[in-house]
Amino acid sequence: MQAAIDQKKPGAKLSREIQAKLGQQLRAVYDDVVNQGVPDRFAALLEQLDKSDKGNS
C-alpha cells in the first residue's frame, strides 16, 4: 500500500477560462480588504515602531 502512496500523481490542470475566473474572484475579495485601509490604532503602532527603529540606527 505504501508504494501506491509514494507514486507521483499527475497534477490537475485548470483551463485558462477557469484560471481567469478564479483570478477575478480573488481580486474582488482582496480589493475590498485592501481598500479598507489600516485602522488608526495600527497606523499609530507602526509610527511608534518606525520612530524606535530610527532612534536605534
N, C-alpha and C. Protein backbone atom coordinates (compact mmCIF):
# COMPACT_ATOMS: atom_id res chain seq x y z
N MET A 1 0.83 -1.19 0.00
CA MET A 1 0.00 0.00 0.00
C MET A 1 0.87 1.26 0.00
N GLN A 2 1.99 1.23 0.72
CA GLN A 2 2.87 2.40 0.78
C GLN A 2 3.40 2.75 -0.61
N ALA A 3 3.65 1.75 -1.45
CA ALA A 3 4.15 2.00 -2.81
C ALA A 3 3.15 2.84 -3.59
N ALA A 4 1.88 2.59 -3.40
CA ALA A 4 0.85 3.35 -4.11
C ALA A 4 0.84 4.80 -3.66
N ILE A 5 1.11 5.03 -2.38
CA ILE A 5 1.12 6.39 -1.86
C ILE A 5 2.34 7.14 -2.35
N ASP A 6 3.47 6.45 -2.49
CA ASP A 6 4.71 7.08 -2.91
C ASP A 6 4.74 7.46 -4.39
N GLN A 7 3.88 6.87 -5.19
CA GLN A 7 3.87 7.16 -6.62
C GLN A 7 3.38 8.58 -6.85
N LYS A 8 3.99 9.23 -7.86
CA LYS A 8 3.56 10.58 -8.19
C LYS A 8 2.20 10.54 -8.85
N LYS A 9 1.37 11.49 -8.45
CA LYS A 9 0.06 11.63 -9.08
C LYS A 9 0.13 12.81 -10.03
N PRO A 10 -0.42 12.65 -11.22
CA PRO A 10 -0.39 13.78 -12.14
C PRO A 10 -1.23 14.93 -11.59
N GLY A 11 -0.72 16.15 -11.72
CA GLY A 11 -1.44 17.32 -11.22
C GLY A 11 -2.62 17.66 -12.10
N ALA A 12 -3.66 18.12 -11.48
CA ALA A 12 -4.83 18.56 -12.23
C ALA A 12 -4.53 19.92 -12.84
N LYS A 13 -4.98 20.14 -14.02
CA LYS A 13 -4.75 21.40 -14.71
C LYS A 13 -6.09 22.11 -14.90
N LEU A 14 -6.07 23.42 -14.71
CA LEU A 14 -7.26 24.23 -14.89
C LEU A 14 -7.19 24.92 -16.25
N SER A 15 -8.31 25.03 -16.88
CA SER A 15 -8.34 25.72 -18.17
C SER A 15 -8.08 27.21 -17.97
N ARG A 16 -7.69 27.88 -19.02
CA ARG A 16 -7.43 29.32 -18.97
C ARG A 16 -8.69 30.06 -18.50
N GLU A 17 -9.83 29.60 -18.94
CA GLU A 17 -11.10 30.25 -18.58
C GLU A 17 -11.34 30.16 -17.07
N ILE A 18 -11.10 28.99 -16.50
CA ILE A 18 -11.28 28.80 -15.06
C ILE A 18 -10.24 29.61 -14.29
N GLN A 19 -9.01 29.62 -14.77
CA GLN A 19 -7.97 30.40 -14.10
C GLN A 19 -8.34 31.89 -14.10
N ALA A 20 -8.85 32.38 -15.22
CA ALA A 20 -9.23 33.79 -15.31
C ALA A 20 -10.37 34.10 -14.34
N LYS A 21 -11.34 33.21 -14.27
CA LYS A 21 -12.48 33.41 -13.37
C LYS A 21 -12.01 33.41 -11.91
N LEU A 22 -11.14 32.48 -11.55
CA LEU A 22 -10.60 32.45 -10.20
C LEU A 22 -9.83 33.74 -9.88
N GLY A 23 -9.06 34.20 -10.83
CA GLY A 23 -8.31 35.45 -10.65
C GLY A 23 -9.23 36.62 -10.42
N GLN A 24 -10.31 36.70 -11.17
CA GLN A 24 -11.29 37.79 -11.00
C GLN A 24 -11.91 37.74 -9.61
N GLN A 25 -12.29 36.55 -9.18
CA GLN A 25 -12.92 36.39 -7.88
C GLN A 25 -11.96 36.75 -6.75
N LEU A 26 -10.72 36.29 -6.85
CA LEU A 26 -9.73 36.61 -5.83
C LEU A 26 -9.44 38.11 -5.76
N ARG A 27 -9.33 38.74 -6.93
CA ARG A 27 -9.11 40.19 -6.95
C ARG A 27 -10.27 40.92 -6.31
N ALA A 28 -11.49 40.49 -6.57
CA ALA A 28 -12.67 41.14 -6.00
C ALA A 28 -12.65 41.05 -4.47
N VAL A 29 -12.29 39.89 -3.95
CA VAL A 29 -12.25 39.71 -2.50
C VAL A 29 -11.13 40.55 -1.89
N TYR A 30 -9.94 40.46 -2.45
CA TYR A 30 -8.80 41.14 -1.84
C TYR A 30 -8.82 42.64 -2.09
N ASP A 31 -9.44 43.11 -3.15
CA ASP A 31 -9.57 44.55 -3.37
C ASP A 31 -10.37 45.18 -2.24
N ASP A 32 -11.42 44.51 -1.80
CA ASP A 32 -12.22 45.02 -0.69
C ASP A 32 -11.37 45.14 0.57
N VAL A 33 -10.54 44.14 0.82
CA VAL A 33 -9.69 44.16 2.02
C VAL A 33 -8.68 45.29 1.92
N VAL A 34 -8.04 45.44 0.77
CA VAL A 34 -7.02 46.47 0.59
C VAL A 34 -7.64 47.86 0.72
N ASN A 35 -8.83 48.04 0.19
CA ASN A 35 -9.47 49.35 0.22
C ASN A 35 -9.98 49.74 1.60
N GLN A 36 -10.02 48.81 2.54
CA GLN A 36 -10.44 49.15 3.90
C GLN A 36 -9.42 50.02 4.62
N GLY A 37 -8.19 49.93 4.19
CA GLY A 37 -7.16 50.74 4.81
C GLY A 37 -6.68 50.15 6.12
N VAL A 38 -5.78 50.90 6.77
CA VAL A 38 -5.19 50.47 8.02
C VAL A 38 -5.91 51.17 9.17
N PRO A 39 -6.37 50.43 10.17
CA PRO A 39 -7.02 51.07 11.31
C PRO A 39 -6.06 52.06 12.00
N ASP A 40 -6.63 53.12 12.59
CA ASP A 40 -5.82 54.16 13.22
C ASP A 40 -4.88 53.59 14.27
N ARG A 41 -5.35 52.62 15.04
CA ARG A 41 -4.51 52.04 16.10
C ARG A 41 -3.27 51.38 15.50
N PHE A 42 -3.45 50.65 14.40
CA PHE A 42 -2.31 50.01 13.75
C PHE A 42 -1.36 51.04 13.16
N ALA A 43 -1.92 52.10 12.57
CA ALA A 43 -1.08 53.14 12.00
C ALA A 43 -0.23 53.79 13.09
N ALA A 44 -0.82 54.02 14.28
CA ALA A 44 -0.08 54.61 15.39
C ALA A 44 1.03 53.67 15.86
N LEU A 45 0.73 52.38 15.95
CA LEU A 45 1.76 51.41 16.34
C LEU A 45 2.90 51.36 15.33
N LEU A 46 2.57 51.38 14.05
CA LEU A 46 3.60 51.37 13.02
C LEU A 46 4.47 52.62 13.10
N GLU A 47 3.83 53.75 13.39
CA GLU A 47 4.59 55.00 13.53
C GLU A 47 5.55 54.92 14.72
N GLN A 48 5.07 54.35 15.85
CA GLN A 48 5.94 54.18 17.01
C GLN A 48 7.12 53.27 16.69
N LEU A 49 6.86 52.18 16.00
CA LEU A 49 7.94 51.26 15.62
C LEU A 49 8.95 51.94 14.71
N ASP A 50 8.45 52.73 13.78
CA ASP A 50 9.33 53.43 12.85
C ASP A 50 10.23 54.41 13.60
N LYS A 51 9.64 55.12 14.56
CA LYS A 51 10.43 56.07 15.35
C LYS A 51 11.50 55.34 16.18
N SER A 52 11.13 54.20 16.77
CA SER A 52 12.10 53.48 17.59
C SER A 52 13.21 52.89 16.73
N ASP A 53 12.90 52.48 15.50
CA ASP A 53 13.93 51.97 14.60
C ASP A 53 14.91 53.06 14.21
N LYS A 54 14.39 54.26 13.97
CA LYS A 54 15.27 55.38 13.59
C LYS A 54 16.15 55.80 14.75
N GLY A 55 15.64 55.67 15.97
CA GLY A 55 16.41 56.02 17.16
C GLY A 55 17.51 55.03 17.46
N ASN A 56 17.35 53.79 16.99
CA ASN A 56 18.34 52.75 17.26
C ASN A 56 19.38 52.62 16.15
N SER A 57 19.26 53.40 15.10
CA SER A 57 20.19 53.27 13.98
C SER A 57 21.47 53.99 14.22
